[in-house]
């Protein structure tokens, strides 16, 4: 169950990271409120998952999923470049996440 909670926490991390784009420097109220709410949920769920997972593993997986998801959202929704080198680097992050989960 801790792994499911950790994955949900990482999805909320993606939400708050992408939400930063919509806050326009925290100058827009409702995007800011949503971003802060997603951040609180994300960190809270990470804390719950870390009760039964090693903190190093939990944090690395949380940030890894968050980073990969945020980059993919940037590519899909904001026109960020999807160069072969960037995609290879994302693949390496995914391999690292899987390695931590398996080992």
N, C-alpha and C. Protein backbone atom coordinates (compact mmCIF):
# COMPACT_ATOMS: atom_id res chain seq x y z
N UNK A 1 0.82 -1.20 0.00
CA UNK A 1 0.00 0.00 0.00
C UNK A 1 0.87 1.27 0.00
N UNK A 2 2.03 1.20 0.65
CA UNK A 2 2.91 2.37 0.71
C UNK A 2 3.35 2.80 -0.68
N UNK A 3 3.56 1.84 -1.57
CA UNK A 3 3.97 2.19 -2.94
C UNK A 3 2.84 2.91 -3.68
N UNK A 4 1.61 2.51 -3.46
CA UNK A 4 0.47 3.18 -4.10
C UNK A 4 0.38 4.62 -3.58
N UNK A 5 0.52 4.78 -2.28
CA UNK A 5 0.48 6.12 -1.69
C UNK A 5 1.61 6.98 -2.25
N UNK A 6 2.78 6.38 -2.41
CA UNK A 6 3.92 7.11 -2.94
C UNK A 6 3.67 7.55 -4.39
N UNK A 7 3.09 6.70 -5.18
CA UNK A 7 2.79 7.05 -6.57
C UNK A 7 1.76 8.18 -6.62
N UNK A 8 0.74 8.10 -5.78
CA UNK A 8 -0.26 9.18 -5.73
C UNK A 8 0.41 10.48 -5.29
N UNK A 9 1.31 10.39 -4.32
CA UNK A 9 2.06 11.57 -3.87
C UNK A 9 2.84 12.18 -5.03
N UNK A 10 3.45 11.32 -5.84
CA UNK A 10 4.23 11.80 -6.99
C UNK A 10 3.33 12.45 -8.04
N UNK A 11 2.13 11.93 -8.21
CA UNK A 11 1.19 12.55 -9.15
C UNK A 11 0.80 13.95 -8.68
N UNK A 12 0.63 14.10 -7.37
CA UNK A 12 0.35 15.44 -6.83
C UNK A 12 1.57 16.34 -6.96
N UNK A 13 2.77 15.76 -6.91
CA UNK A 13 3.97 16.56 -7.13
C UNK A 13 3.99 17.12 -8.55
N UNK A 14 3.62 16.28 -9.51
CA UNK A 14 3.52 16.75 -10.89
C UNK A 14 2.50 17.88 -10.97
N UNK A 15 1.37 17.70 -10.29
CA UNK A 15 0.31 18.72 -10.33
C UNK A 15 0.80 20.06 -9.79
N UNK A 16 1.51 20.04 -8.66
CA UNK A 16 1.94 21.34 -8.12
C UNK A 16 3.07 21.94 -8.94
N UNK A 17 3.94 21.09 -9.49
CA UNK A 17 5.02 21.62 -10.32
C UNK A 17 4.47 22.28 -11.59
N UNK A 18 3.52 21.61 -12.23
CA UNK A 18 2.89 22.19 -13.42
C UNK A 18 2.05 23.40 -13.02
N UNK A 19 1.42 23.32 -11.87
CA UNK A 19 0.61 24.44 -11.38
C UNK A 19 1.40 25.72 -11.21
N UNK A 20 2.68 25.59 -10.92
CA UNK A 20 3.51 26.80 -10.78
C UNK A 20 3.46 27.66 -12.04
N UNK A 21 3.38 27.00 -13.18
CA UNK A 21 3.31 27.72 -14.45
C UNK A 21 2.08 28.62 -14.50
N UNK A 22 0.99 28.15 -13.94
CA UNK A 22 -0.28 28.88 -14.01
C UNK A 22 -0.42 29.95 -12.93
N UNK A 23 0.43 29.91 -11.90
CA UNK A 23 0.33 30.93 -10.85
C UNK A 23 0.90 32.27 -11.29
N UNK A 24 1.70 32.26 -12.35
CA UNK A 24 2.35 33.48 -12.84
C UNK A 24 3.05 34.21 -11.70
N UNK A 25 3.98 33.47 -11.07
CA UNK A 25 4.74 34.06 -9.96
C UNK A 25 3.89 34.26 -8.71
N UNK A 26 2.92 33.41 -8.51
CA UNK A 26 2.00 33.48 -7.37
C UNK A 26 1.17 34.76 -7.37
N UNK A 27 0.93 35.29 -8.57
CA UNK A 27 0.13 36.50 -8.68
C UNK A 27 -1.34 36.21 -9.00
N UNK A 28 -1.67 34.96 -9.29
CA UNK A 28 -3.06 34.59 -9.58
C UNK A 28 -3.57 33.73 -8.43
N UNK A 29 -4.66 34.16 -7.81
CA UNK A 29 -5.14 33.55 -6.57
C UNK A 29 -5.47 32.07 -6.70
N UNK A 30 -6.39 31.71 -7.59
CA UNK A 30 -6.87 30.33 -7.60
C UNK A 30 -5.83 29.32 -8.09
N UNK A 31 -5.05 29.64 -9.10
CA UNK A 31 -3.96 28.72 -9.43
C UNK A 31 -2.96 28.56 -8.27
N UNK A 32 -2.73 29.65 -7.55
CA UNK A 32 -1.83 29.57 -6.40
C UNK A 32 -2.41 28.69 -5.31
N UNK A 33 -3.69 28.84 -5.03
CA UNK A 33 -4.35 28.02 -4.01
C UNK A 33 -4.29 26.54 -4.41
N UNK A 34 -4.59 26.25 -5.65
CA UNK A 34 -4.54 24.86 -6.13
C UNK A 34 -3.13 24.29 -6.07
N UNK A 35 -2.16 25.08 -6.43
CA UNK A 35 -0.77 24.63 -6.40
C UNK A 35 -0.32 24.34 -4.98
N UNK A 36 -0.65 25.22 -4.06
CA UNK A 36 -0.27 25.02 -2.65
C UNK A 36 -1.00 23.80 -2.07
N UNK A 37 -2.26 23.63 -2.44
CA UNK A 37 -3.01 22.46 -1.96
C UNK A 37 -2.38 21.16 -2.47
N UNK A 38 -2.02 21.13 -3.75
CA UNK A 38 -1.38 19.94 -4.32
C UNK A 38 -0.04 19.68 -3.65
N UNK A 39 0.70 20.73 -3.34
CA UNK A 39 1.98 20.58 -2.66
C UNK A 39 1.80 19.97 -1.27
N UNK A 40 0.82 20.46 -0.54
CA UNK A 40 0.56 19.94 0.81
C UNK A 40 0.16 18.47 0.75
N UNK A 41 -0.73 18.13 -0.18
CA UNK A 41 -1.15 16.72 -0.31
C UNK A 41 0.04 15.86 -0.69
N UNK A 42 0.85 16.33 -1.62
CA UNK A 42 2.00 15.56 -2.09
C UNK A 42 2.98 15.25 -0.96
N UNK A 43 3.37 16.28 -0.23
CA UNK A 43 4.34 16.08 0.85
C UNK A 43 3.74 15.26 1.98
N UNK A 44 2.46 15.45 2.27
CA UNK A 44 1.80 14.66 3.31
C UNK A 44 1.78 13.19 2.96
N UNK A 45 1.43 12.88 1.71
CA UNK A 45 1.40 11.48 1.29
C UNK A 45 2.81 10.88 1.26
N UNK A 46 3.80 11.68 0.88
CA UNK A 46 5.18 11.20 0.95
C UNK A 46 5.53 10.83 2.38
N UNK A 47 5.15 11.65 3.32
CA UNK A 47 5.41 11.35 4.73
C UNK A 47 4.75 10.07 5.19
N UNK A 48 3.53 9.84 4.73
CA UNK A 48 2.82 8.61 5.08
C UNK A 48 3.52 7.40 4.47
N UNK A 49 3.90 7.50 3.21
CA UNK A 49 4.59 6.39 2.55
C UNK A 49 5.93 6.10 3.20
N UNK A 50 6.60 7.16 3.67
CA UNK A 50 7.92 7.00 4.27
C UNK A 50 7.87 6.29 5.62
N UNK A 51 6.69 6.13 6.18
CA UNK A 51 6.58 5.38 7.44
C UNK A 51 7.03 3.94 7.25
N UNK A 52 6.76 3.36 6.07
CA UNK A 52 7.10 1.96 5.86
C UNK A 52 8.10 1.71 4.73
N UNK A 53 8.52 2.76 4.04
CA UNK A 53 9.54 2.63 3.01
C UNK A 53 10.80 3.36 3.48
N UNK A 54 11.96 2.90 3.03
CA UNK A 54 13.18 3.65 3.36
C UNK A 54 13.07 5.07 2.80
N UNK A 55 13.45 6.06 3.59
CA UNK A 55 13.25 7.45 3.19
C UNK A 55 14.03 7.79 1.92
N UNK A 56 15.22 7.26 1.78
CA UNK A 56 16.01 7.53 0.57
C UNK A 56 15.32 7.03 -0.68
N UNK A 57 14.80 5.82 -0.59
CA UNK A 57 14.07 5.23 -1.72
C UNK A 57 12.79 6.00 -2.00
N UNK A 58 12.02 6.29 -0.95
CA UNK A 58 10.76 6.99 -1.13
C UNK A 58 10.98 8.36 -1.76
N UNK A 59 11.96 9.09 -1.25
CA UNK A 59 12.20 10.43 -1.77
C UNK A 59 12.71 10.39 -3.20
N UNK A 60 13.61 9.47 -3.50
CA UNK A 60 14.14 9.37 -4.86
C UNK A 60 13.05 8.99 -5.86
N UNK A 61 12.20 8.07 -5.50
CA UNK A 61 11.11 7.66 -6.40
C UNK A 61 10.12 8.80 -6.56
N UNK A 62 9.78 9.47 -5.47
CA UNK A 62 8.85 10.61 -5.50
C UNK A 62 9.38 11.70 -6.41
N UNK A 63 10.62 12.10 -6.23
CA UNK A 63 11.17 13.16 -7.06
C UNK A 63 11.38 12.70 -8.50
N UNK A 64 11.75 11.44 -8.68
CA UNK A 64 11.95 10.92 -10.03
C UNK A 64 10.67 10.91 -10.84
N UNK A 65 9.61 10.37 -10.25
CA UNK A 65 8.32 10.36 -10.94
C UNK A 65 7.85 11.79 -11.18
N UNK A 66 8.03 12.64 -10.19
CA UNK A 66 7.64 14.04 -10.34
C UNK A 66 8.40 14.73 -11.45
N UNK A 67 9.71 14.47 -11.52
CA UNK A 67 10.53 15.11 -12.56
C UNK A 67 10.14 14.61 -13.95
N UNK A 68 10.02 13.30 -14.10
CA UNK A 68 9.66 12.74 -15.41
C UNK A 68 8.27 13.22 -15.82
N UNK A 69 7.33 13.17 -14.91
CA UNK A 69 5.97 13.61 -15.23
C UNK A 69 5.89 15.08 -15.58
N UNK A 70 6.65 15.90 -14.87
CA UNK A 70 6.64 17.34 -15.14
C UNK A 70 7.27 17.64 -16.50
N UNK A 71 8.35 16.96 -16.81
CA UNK A 71 8.97 17.16 -18.13
C UNK A 71 8.01 16.72 -19.24
N UNK A 72 7.35 15.57 -19.05
CA UNK A 72 6.41 15.11 -20.07
C UNK A 72 5.23 16.06 -20.23
N UNK A 73 4.76 16.63 -19.13
CA UNK A 73 3.69 17.63 -19.22
C UNK A 73 4.18 18.87 -19.95
N UNK A 74 5.40 19.26 -19.68
CA UNK A 74 5.98 20.41 -20.37
C UNK A 74 6.05 20.18 -21.87
N UNK A 75 6.42 18.96 -22.26
CA UNK A 75 6.49 18.61 -23.68
C UNK A 75 5.08 18.60 -24.28
N UNK A 76 4.15 17.97 -23.58
CA UNK A 76 2.80 17.78 -24.12
C UNK A 76 1.97 19.06 -24.15
N UNK A 77 2.12 19.91 -23.13
CA UNK A 77 1.21 21.04 -23.00
C UNK A 77 1.83 22.42 -23.20
N UNK A 78 3.16 22.52 -23.07
CA UNK A 78 3.79 23.83 -23.11
C UNK A 78 4.82 23.98 -24.22
N UNK A 79 4.93 22.97 -25.06
CA UNK A 79 5.85 23.06 -26.19
C UNK A 79 7.32 22.96 -25.82
N UNK A 80 7.63 22.39 -24.66
CA UNK A 80 9.03 22.18 -24.32
C UNK A 80 9.66 21.23 -25.32
N UNK A 81 10.94 21.37 -25.58
CA UNK A 81 11.58 20.51 -26.59
C UNK A 81 11.64 19.05 -26.14
N UNK A 82 11.44 18.16 -27.11
CA UNK A 82 11.52 16.71 -26.86
C UNK A 82 12.68 16.15 -27.67
N UNK A 83 13.87 16.63 -27.38
CA UNK A 83 15.04 16.19 -28.12
C UNK A 83 15.40 14.76 -27.72
N UNK A 84 16.08 14.05 -28.59
CA UNK A 84 16.50 12.69 -28.25
C UNK A 84 17.32 12.64 -26.95
N UNK A 85 18.20 13.60 -26.74
CA UNK A 85 19.01 13.60 -25.52
C UNK A 85 18.15 13.75 -24.27
N UNK A 86 17.15 14.63 -24.32
CA UNK A 86 16.25 14.79 -23.17
C UNK A 86 15.48 13.51 -22.90
N UNK A 87 15.00 12.88 -23.96
CA UNK A 87 14.24 11.64 -23.79
C UNK A 87 15.11 10.51 -23.24
N UNK A 88 16.36 10.45 -23.67
CA UNK A 88 17.29 9.45 -23.12
C UNK A 88 17.50 9.70 -21.63
N UNK A 89 17.68 10.95 -21.26
CA UNK A 89 17.87 11.29 -19.85
C UNK A 89 16.63 10.92 -19.02
N UNK A 90 15.45 11.17 -19.57
CA UNK A 90 14.22 10.75 -18.87
C UNK A 90 14.19 9.24 -18.71
N UNK A 91 14.60 8.53 -19.74
CA UNK A 91 14.66 7.07 -19.67
C UNK A 91 15.60 6.60 -18.57
N UNK A 92 16.71 7.28 -18.40
CA UNK A 92 17.65 6.93 -17.34
C UNK A 92 17.03 7.15 -15.96
N UNK A 93 16.26 8.22 -15.82
CA UNK A 93 15.57 8.45 -14.55
C UNK A 93 14.58 7.32 -14.28
N UNK A 94 13.82 6.93 -15.29
CA UNK A 94 12.85 5.85 -15.14
C UNK A 94 13.56 4.54 -14.76
N UNK A 95 14.69 4.27 -15.40
CA UNK A 95 15.46 3.06 -15.05
C UNK A 95 15.90 3.11 -13.59
N UNK A 96 16.33 4.29 -13.13
CA UNK A 96 16.72 4.44 -11.73
C UNK A 96 15.56 4.21 -10.78
N UNK A 97 14.38 4.74 -11.13
CA UNK A 97 13.20 4.54 -10.30
C UNK A 97 12.86 3.05 -10.21
N UNK A 98 12.85 2.39 -11.37
CA UNK A 98 12.55 0.96 -11.39
C UNK A 98 13.58 0.16 -10.60
N UNK A 99 14.85 0.57 -10.72
CA UNK A 99 15.89 -0.11 -9.96
C UNK A 99 15.67 0.01 -8.46
N UNK A 100 15.31 1.18 -8.00
CA UNK A 100 15.04 1.36 -6.57
C UNK A 100 13.83 0.55 -6.13
N UNK A 101 12.84 0.46 -6.97
CA UNK A 101 11.63 -0.32 -6.62
C UNK A 101 11.96 -1.81 -6.56
N UNK A 102 12.71 -2.27 -7.54
CA UNK A 102 13.02 -3.72 -7.63
C UNK A 102 14.00 -4.14 -6.54
N UNK A 103 14.99 -3.31 -6.29
CA UNK A 103 16.03 -3.69 -5.33
C UNK A 103 15.64 -3.30 -3.92
